[in-house]
């Protein structure tokens, strides 16, 4: 009898702890000062739960996905991205406008509600517009490829081309390797 009572109490404690953790995840405030950060001027954390896409040389960090420039005005590119993100489930705008040239959204996972932040910045370049897109998780280390898949889907929705990396130059005989 006492053993059952102890098990019930422990079960209740675990349930309340789990509910408390869910409340923290779902109710934690999203402060724009913490998350509406210029993606062209960041230092990447080096964790697998963030992804940066940008044309080479536009961002201070080396992008995971190299993009070609977009042949449209910056406000049009960011406005179209805003439409695409507004149509995604569990996604809301945190800060910014197309006229400001930078916007940040919060997208939450379906089951637990983990927040991921997507920040986009557009810059005018000679070829049109450079899009810098940064998606990252608030908590944890890994994300099972969710941020990469999100960025790839957004780029596909916009029709943004990936830049093909230049081939590694062939080593000529007698020349030391570049290692």
Protein backbone atom coordinates (compact mmCIF):
# COMPACT_ATOMS: atom_id res chain seq x y z
CA UNK A 1 0.00 0.00 0.00
CA UNK A 2 2.74 2.47 0.93
CA UNK A 3 4.66 1.45 -2.18
CA UNK A 4 1.67 2.32 -4.41
CA UNK A 5 1.33 5.66 -2.71
CA UNK A 6 5.00 6.45 -3.33
CA UNK A 7 4.63 5.47 -7.01
CA UNK A 8 1.58 7.72 -7.37
CA UNK A 9 3.38 10.64 -5.79
CA UNK A 10 6.44 10.11 -8.02
CA UNK A 11 4.22 9.85 -11.09
CA UNK A 12 2.47 13.10 -10.18
CA UNK A 13 5.80 14.83 -9.60
CA UNK A 14 7.08 13.67 -13.01
CA UNK A 15 3.87 14.77 -14.74
CA UNK A 16 4.04 18.23 -13.15
CA UNK A 17 7.73 18.54 -14.06
CA UNK A 18 6.97 17.65 -17.68
CA UNK A 19 4.09 20.13 -17.79
CA UNK A 20 6.35 22.80 -16.30
CA UNK A 21 9.00 22.15 -18.94
CA UNK A 22 6.39 22.39 -21.70
CA UNK A 23 5.11 25.65 -20.22
CA UNK A 24 8.64 27.11 -20.23
CA UNK A 25 9.15 26.09 -23.86
CA UNK A 26 5.80 27.40 -25.07
CA UNK A 27 5.55 30.53 -22.91
CA UNK A 28 9.14 31.81 -22.93
CA UNK A 29 9.11 35.34 -24.38
CA UNK A 30 10.58 35.97 -27.84
CA UNK A 31 12.49 39.22 -27.41
CA UNK A 32 13.30 40.83 -30.78
CA UNK A 33 16.49 42.24 -29.24
CA UNK A 34 17.71 38.66 -28.82
CA UNK A 35 16.54 37.19 -32.13
CA UNK A 36 16.17 40.00 -34.72
CA UNK A 37 19.90 40.02 -35.48
CA UNK A 38 21.55 40.98 -38.76
CA UNK A 39 22.39 37.62 -40.38
CA UNK A 40 25.06 39.18 -42.60
CA UNK A 41 27.11 40.17 -39.52
CA UNK A 42 26.91 37.06 -37.32
CA UNK A 43 29.41 34.56 -36.00
CA UNK A 44 27.90 31.11 -36.36
CA UNK A 45 27.69 28.99 -33.20
CA UNK A 46 29.02 25.95 -35.02
CA UNK A 47 26.13 23.73 -33.97
CA UNK A 48 24.10 21.53 -36.32
CA UNK A 49 20.85 23.31 -35.40
CA UNK A 50 21.53 26.47 -37.43
CA UNK A 51 21.89 27.10 -41.14
CA UNK A 52 23.03 30.17 -43.05
CA UNK A 53 22.33 30.71 -46.75
CA UNK A 54 23.87 33.67 -48.57
CA UNK A 55 25.81 34.63 -51.68
CA UNK A 56 29.55 34.19 -51.13
CA UNK A 57 31.22 37.24 -49.59
CA UNK A 58 27.98 38.90 -48.44
CA UNK A 59 27.90 37.54 -44.87
CA UNK A 60 30.73 37.71 -42.37
CA UNK A 61 30.29 33.98 -41.67
CA UNK A 62 30.81 31.35 -44.35
CA UNK A 63 27.34 30.23 -45.47
CA UNK A 64 26.30 26.57 -45.35
CA UNK A 65 24.41 27.14 -48.61
CA UNK A 66 25.88 29.46 -51.24
CA UNK A 67 23.22 31.39 -53.13
CA UNK A 68 23.14 33.22 -56.42
CA UNK A 69 21.79 36.77 -56.46
CA UNK A 70 18.08 37.23 -57.17
CA UNK A 71 17.06 39.33 -60.18
CA UNK A 72 14.40 41.37 -58.36
CA UNK A 73 14.36 44.44 -56.11
CA UNK A 74 15.11 43.82 -52.39
CA UNK A 75 11.60 44.80 -51.18
CA UNK A 76 10.02 42.38 -53.67
CA UNK A 77 12.24 39.48 -52.57
CA UNK A 78 11.61 40.07 -48.88
CA UNK A 79 7.91 40.69 -49.45
CA UNK A 80 7.56 37.38 -51.30
CA UNK A 81 9.45 35.57 -48.53
CA UNK A 82 7.12 37.15 -45.98
CA UNK A 83 4.12 35.79 -47.91
CA UNK A 84 5.63 32.30 -48.03
CA UNK A 85 6.41 32.29 -44.30
CA UNK A 86 2.98 33.71 -43.39
CA UNK A 87 1.42 30.66 -45.06
CA UNK A 88 3.49 28.18 -43.03
CA UNK A 89 1.81 26.63 -39.99
CA UNK A 90 2.81 27.78 -36.48
CA UNK A 91 4.81 30.71 -37.92
CA UNK A 92 4.48 34.34 -36.91
CA UNK A 93 6.38 37.53 -37.61
CA UNK A 94 8.58 38.66 -34.72
CA UNK A 95 10.10 41.87 -36.12
CA UNK A 96 10.88 43.84 -39.26
CA UNK A 97 9.25 44.79 -42.54
CA UNK A 98 10.20 44.49 -46.21
CA UNK A 99 10.82 48.26 -46.28
CA UNK A 100 13.36 47.86 -43.44
CA UNK A 101 15.19 45.18 -45.43
CA UNK A 102 15.26 42.64 -42.60
CA UNK A 103 12.59 40.45 -40.99
CA UNK A 104 12.53 37.71 -38.33
CA UNK A 105 9.89 35.02 -37.82
CA UNK A 106 9.29 32.42 -35.11
CA UNK A 107 8.25 28.95 -36.26
CA UNK A 108 7.28 26.40 -33.61
CA UNK A 109 7.41 22.61 -33.81
CA UNK A 110 4.07 20.82 -33.96
CA UNK A 111 4.20 18.63 -30.88
CA UNK A 112 6.19 20.43 -28.20
CA UNK A 113 6.31 23.94 -29.62
CA UNK A 114 10.09 24.35 -29.75
CA UNK A 115 10.82 27.78 -31.28
CA UNK A 116 13.07 28.21 -34.29
CA UNK A 117 13.95 31.68 -35.55
CA UNK A 118 14.27 32.60 -39.22
CA UNK A 119 15.89 35.93 -40.07
CA UNK A 120 16.17 37.25 -43.62
CA UNK A 121 18.02 40.29 -44.85
CA UNK A 122 18.10 41.63 -48.40
CA UNK A 123 20.86 43.78 -49.83
CA UNK A 124 20.99 45.49 -53.22
CA UNK A 125 23.84 44.23 -55.37
CA UNK A 126 24.81 44.86 -58.98
CA UNK A 127 23.06 41.65 -60.12
CA UNK A 128 19.82 42.43 -58.24
CA UNK A 129 19.38 41.33 -54.62
CA UNK A 130 21.52 39.34 -52.22
CA UNK A 131 19.32 37.30 -49.85
CA UNK A 132 20.84 36.28 -46.51
CA UNK A 133 18.72 33.69 -44.71
CA UNK A 134 19.56 32.37 -41.21
CA UNK A 135 17.47 29.70 -39.46
CA UNK A 136 18.35 28.48 -35.97
CA UNK A 137 16.91 26.70 -32.96
CA UNK A 138 16.55 28.42 -29.62
CA UNK A 139 17.30 25.35 -27.52
CA UNK A 140 19.29 22.20 -27.95
CA UNK A 141 22.20 21.16 -30.09
CA UNK A 142 20.75 19.10 -32.94
CA UNK A 143 17.52 19.53 -34.85
CA UNK A 144 17.30 16.44 -37.10
CA UNK A 145 17.89 18.68 -40.14
CA UNK A 146 14.77 20.79 -39.59
CA UNK A 147 16.46 24.16 -40.10
CA UNK A 148 18.24 23.04 -43.29
CA UNK A 149 15.01 21.58 -44.68
CA UNK A 150 13.16 24.81 -43.85
CA UNK A 151 15.75 26.98 -45.59
CA UNK A 152 15.81 24.68 -48.63
CA UNK A 153 11.99 24.79 -48.84
CA UNK A 154 11.96 28.59 -48.55
CA UNK A 155 14.61 28.95 -51.25
CA UNK A 156 12.68 26.57 -53.52
CA UNK A 157 9.46 28.56 -52.93
CA UNK A 158 11.25 31.74 -53.99
CA UNK A 159 13.06 30.08 -56.90
CA UNK A 160 16.46 31.14 -55.54
CA UNK A 161 19.33 29.33 -57.27
CA UNK A 162 22.16 27.78 -55.37
CA UNK A 163 25.57 28.84 -56.57
CA UNK A 164 27.61 26.01 -57.98
CA UNK A 165 30.95 25.92 -56.20
CA UNK A 166 33.94 26.34 -58.47
CA UNK A 167 35.90 23.13 -59.02
CA UNK A 168 39.12 22.56 -57.12
CA UNK A 169 42.00 23.47 -59.44
CA UNK A 170 44.02 20.52 -60.65
CA UNK A 171 47.51 20.20 -59.20
CA UNK A 172 50.24 20.55 -61.79
CA UNK A 173 53.19 18.13 -61.61
CA UNK A 174 55.93 19.36 -59.34
CA UNK A 175 53.66 21.87 -57.58
CA UNK A 176 53.17 21.36 -53.82
CA UNK A 177 49.63 20.58 -52.72
CA UNK A 178 47.53 23.36 -51.21
CA UNK A 179 47.18 21.51 -47.92
